[in-house]
Amino acid sequence: MQQSPDPSPRSSWFAAGGVAGAILASSCCVLPLVLVTLGVSGAWIGNFTALEPLKPVFIGVAAIFIGLGFWQVYFRPKPKCEDGSYCARPQSALITQIALWLAAALVVLAATIDWWAKFFY
């Protein structure tokens, strides 16, 4: 039987930190672009650009948390799980894995926005 990734609280915290960092990293650039694309407008959207100088810091913090989360979920030695226990179920770490991959994609989008944003305006 294939063992699932460890659903330890630490991996969930790393994933949550990665998601929070990804949202902060994208808040200056990707978030306003998405809102405008969806038809949301207003002068308040311009306030997101105040976070632009902090974008490299947010990207760095998010990358650290995402990297630690991936290590916890995919590379850390897995403990033996009893049949029927929480860690024996494949769904136990699915949300953490999805959050890590979405956060990683969002950070990549935020880091590369200068190259691809020109195609949207």
C-alpha atoms as a PDB file:
ATOM      1  CA  MET A   1       0.000   0.000   0.000  1.00  0.00           C
ATOM      2  CA  GLN A   2       1.396   3.389  -0.971  1.00  0.00           C
ATOM      3  CA  GLN A   3       1.741   5.774   1.936  1.00  0.00           C
ATOM      4  CA  SER A   4       0.349   9.261   1.699  1.00  0.00           C
ATOM      5  CA  PRO A   5       2.287  12.376   2.661  1.00  0.00           C
ATOM      6  CA  ASP A   6       2.382  13.161   6.353  1.00  0.00           C
ATOM      7  CA  PRO A   7      -0.494  15.435   7.324  1.00  0.00           C
ATOM      8  CA  SER A   8       1.536  17.043  10.083  1.00  0.00           C
ATOM      9  CA  PRO A   9       0.447  20.460  11.293  1.00  0.00           C
ATOM     10  CA  ARG A  10       3.840  21.825  10.289  1.00  0.00           C
ATOM     11  CA  SER A  11       3.234  21.186   6.579  1.00  0.00           C
ATOM     12  CA  SER A  12      -0.157  22.885   6.843  1.00  0.00           C
ATOM     13  CA  TRP A  13       1.440  25.933   8.495  1.00  0.00           C
ATOM     14  CA  PHE A  14       4.091  26.103   5.791  1.00  0.00           C
ATOM     15  CA  ALA A  15       1.391  25.893   3.124  1.00  0.00           C
ATOM     16  CA  ALA A  16      -0.639  28.613   4.852  1.00  0.00           C
ATOM     17  CA  GLY A  17       2.462  30.825   5.078  1.00  0.00           C
ATOM     18  CA  GLY A  18       3.177  30.215   1.407  1.00  0.00           C
ATOM     19  CA  VAL A  19      -0.386  31.111   0.420  1.00  0.00           C
ATOM     20  CA  ALA A  20      -0.323  34.270   2.555  1.00  0.00           C
ATOM     21  CA  GLY A  21       3.028  35.291   1.082  1.00  0.00           C
ATOM     22  CA  ALA A  22       1.805  34.577  -2.436  1.00  0.00           C
ATOM     23  CA  ILE A  23      -1.273  36.739  -1.914  1.00  0.00           C
ATOM     24  CA  LEU A  24       0.864  39.570  -0.541  1.00  0.00           C
ATOM     25  CA  ALA A  25       3.390  39.208  -3.378  1.00  0.00           C
ATOM     26  CA  SER A  26       0.663  39.401  -5.996  1.00  0.00           C
ATOM     27  CA  SER A  27      -1.383  42.131  -4.316  1.00  0.00           C
ATOM     28  CA  CYS A  28       0.485  44.972  -6.006  1.00  0.00           C
ATOM     29  CA  CYS A  29       0.353  43.649  -9.537  1.00  0.00           C
ATOM     30  CA  VAL A  30      -1.537  40.435 -10.257  1.00  0.00           C
ATOM     31  CA  LEU A  31      -4.550  41.184  -8.052  1.00  0.00           C
ATOM     32  CA  PRO A  32      -5.370  44.572  -9.680  1.00  0.00           C
ATOM     33  CA  LEU A  33      -4.936  43.030 -13.136  1.00  0.00           C
ATOM     34  CA  VAL A  34      -7.314  40.194 -12.264  1.00  0.00           C
ATOM     35  CA  LEU A  35      -9.860  42.610 -10.777  1.00  0.00           C
ATOM     36  CA  VAL A  36      -9.792  44.863 -13.839  1.00  0.00           C
ATOM     37  CA  THR A  37     -10.047  41.832 -16.137  1.00  0.00           C
ATOM     38  CA  LEU A  38     -13.139  40.722 -14.198  1.00  0.00           C
ATOM     39  CA  GLY A  39     -14.696  44.161 -14.647  1.00  0.00           C
ATOM     40  CA  VAL A  40     -14.081  45.496 -11.153  1.00  0.00           C
ATOM     41  CA  SER A  41     -12.899  49.080 -11.323  1.00  0.00           C
ATOM     42  CA  GLY A  42     -12.413  52.110  -9.184  1.00  0.00           C
ATOM     43  CA  ALA A  43      -9.768  54.496  -7.993  1.00  0.00           C
ATOM     44  CA  TRP A  44      -9.112  52.312  -4.940  1.00  0.00           C
ATOM     45  CA  ILE A  45      -7.428  49.674  -7.141  1.00  0.00           C
ATOM     46  CA  GLY A  46      -4.523  52.093  -7.575  1.00  0.00           C
ATOM     47  CA  ASN A  47      -3.818  51.819  -3.855  1.00  0.00           C
ATOM     48  CA  PHE A  48      -2.456  48.305  -4.390  1.00  0.00           C
ATOM     49  CA  THR A  49       0.612  49.766  -6.106  1.00  0.00           C
ATOM     50  CA  ALA A  50       1.798  51.104  -2.736  1.00  0.00           C
ATOM     51  CA  LEU A  51       2.970  47.563  -1.979  1.00  0.00           C
ATOM     52  CA  GLU A  52       5.213  47.401  -5.083  1.00  0.00           C
ATOM     53  CA  PRO A  53       8.475  48.180  -3.192  1.00  0.00           C
ATOM     54  CA  LEU A  54       7.795  45.255  -0.838  1.00  0.00           C
ATOM     55  CA  LYS A  55       7.123  42.739  -3.610  1.00  0.00           C
ATOM     56  CA  PRO A  56      10.635  41.169  -3.542  1.00  0.00           C
ATOM     57  CA  VAL A  57      10.373  40.677   0.228  1.00  0.00           C
ATOM     58  CA  PHE A  58       6.941  39.057  -0.090  1.00  0.00           C
ATOM     59  CA  ILE A  59       8.167  36.816  -2.915  1.00  0.00           C
ATOM     60  CA  GLY A  60      11.192  35.752  -0.858  1.00  0.00           C
ATOM     61  CA  VAL A  61       9.139  34.954   2.241  1.00  0.00           C
ATOM     62  CA  ALA A  62       6.541  33.095   0.183  1.00  0.00           C
ATOM     63  CA  ALA A  63       9.256  31.094  -1.602  1.00  0.00           C
ATOM     64  CA  ILE A  64      10.779  30.046   1.724  1.00  0.00           C
ATOM     65  CA  PHE A  65       7.424  28.908   3.132  1.00  0.00           C
ATOM     66  CA  ILE A  66       6.462  27.155  -0.110  1.00  0.00           C
ATOM     67  CA  GLY A  67       9.844  25.407  -0.268  1.00  0.00           C
ATOM     68  CA  LEU A  68       9.537  24.221   3.329  1.00  0.00           C
ATOM     69  CA  GLY A  69       5.979  23.086   2.643  1.00  0.00           C
ATOM     70  CA  PHE A  70       7.052  21.071  -0.405  1.00  0.00           C
ATOM     71  CA  TRP A  71       9.850  19.493   1.629  1.00  0.00           C
ATOM     72  CA  GLN A  72       7.391  18.530   4.395  1.00  0.00           C
ATOM     73  CA  VAL A  73       4.836  17.082   1.979  1.00  0.00           C
ATOM     74  CA  TYR A  74       6.986  15.411  -0.683  1.00  0.00           C
ATOM     75  CA  PHE A  75      10.514  14.795   0.579  1.00  0.00           C
ATOM     76  CA  ARG A  76      10.364  14.227   4.326  1.00  0.00           C
ATOM     77  CA  PRO A  77      10.441  10.556   5.346  1.00  0.00           C
ATOM     78  CA  LYS A  78       6.892   9.334   5.845  1.00  0.00           C
ATOM     79  CA  PRO A  79       5.860   7.727   9.126  1.00  0.00           C
ATOM     80  CA  LYS A  80       4.136   4.370   9.113  1.00  0.00           C
ATOM     81  CA  CYS A  81       0.391   4.769   9.158  1.00  0.00           C
ATOM     82  CA  GLU A  82      -2.126   2.442  10.716  1.00  0.00           C
ATOM     83  CA  ASP A  83      -4.872   1.275   8.360  1.00  0.00           C
ATOM     84  CA  GLY A  84      -7.935   3.461   8.746  1.00  0.00           C
ATOM     85  CA  SER A  85      -6.026   6.275  10.484  1.00  0.00           C
ATOM     86  CA  TYR A  86      -6.087   9.877   9.315  1.00  0.00           C
ATOM     87  CA  CYS A  87      -2.637   9.756   7.731  1.00  0.00           C
ATOM     88  CA  ALA A  88      -3.484   6.578   5.809  1.00  0.00           C
ATOM     89  CA  ARG A  89      -6.128   8.427   3.777  1.00  0.00           C
ATOM     90  CA  PRO A  90      -4.846  10.063   0.562  1.00  0.00           C
ATOM     91  CA  GLN A  91      -7.210  13.015   1.078  1.00  0.00           C
ATOM     92  CA  SER A  92      -5.433  13.944   4.316  1.00  0.00           C
ATOM     93  CA  ALA A  93      -2.748  16.000   2.535  1.00  0.00           C
ATOM     94  CA  LEU A  94      -4.578  16.824  -0.699  1.00  0.00           C
ATOM     95  CA  ILE A  95      -5.646  20.294   0.438  1.00  0.00           C
ATOM     96  CA  THR A  96      -2.095  21.085   1.563  1.00  0.00           C
ATOM     97  CA  GLN A  97      -0.699  19.940  -1.788  1.00  0.00           C
ATOM     98  CA  ILE A  98      -3.243  21.991  -3.747  1.00  0.00           C
ATOM     99  CA  ALA A  99      -2.522  25.075  -1.623  1.00  0.00           C
ATOM    100  CA  LEU A 100       1.228  24.692  -2.162  1.00  0.00           C
ATOM    101  CA  TRP A 101       0.902  24.347  -5.942  1.00  0.00           C
ATOM    102  CA  LEU A 102      -1.519  27.290  -6.204  1.00  0.00           C
ATOM    103  CA  ALA A 103       0.736  29.449  -4.027  1.00  0.00           C
ATOM    104  CA  ALA A 104       3.761  28.495  -6.134  1.00  0.00           C
ATOM    105  CA  ALA A 105       1.899  29.423  -9.336  1.00  0.00           C
ATOM    106  CA  LEU A 106       0.789  32.746  -7.845  1.00  0.00           C
ATOM    107  CA  VAL A 107       4.340  33.607  -6.764  1.00  0.00           C
ATOM    108  CA  VAL A 108       5.671  32.770 -10.238  1.00  0.00           C
ATOM    109  CA  LEU A 109       2.964  34.987 -11.771  1.00  0.00           C
ATOM    110  CA  ALA A 110       3.829  37.831  -9.382  1.00  0.00           C
ATOM    111  CA  ALA A 111       7.558  37.489 -10.024  1.00  0.00           C
ATOM    112  CA  THR A 112       7.180  37.459 -13.812  1.00  0.00           C
ATOM    113  CA  ILE A 113       4.374  39.994 -14.255  1.00  0.00           C
ATOM    114  CA  ASP A 114       6.671  42.499 -15.972  1.00  0.00           C
ATOM    115  CA  TRP A 115       7.115  40.041 -18.856  1.00  0.00           C
ATOM    116  CA  TRP A 116       3.535  38.858 -19.413  1.00  0.00           C
ATOM    117  CA  ALA A 117       1.304  41.757 -18.280  1.00  0.00           C
ATOM    118  CA  LYS A 118       1.923  43.664 -21.535  1.00  0.00           C
ATOM    119  CA  PHE A 119      -0.211  41.096 -23.355  1.00  0.00           C
ATOM    120  CA  PHE A 120      -3.311  42.209 -21.403  1.00  0.00           C
ATOM    121  CA  TYR A 121      -3.292  45.920 -22.248  1.00  0.00           C
END
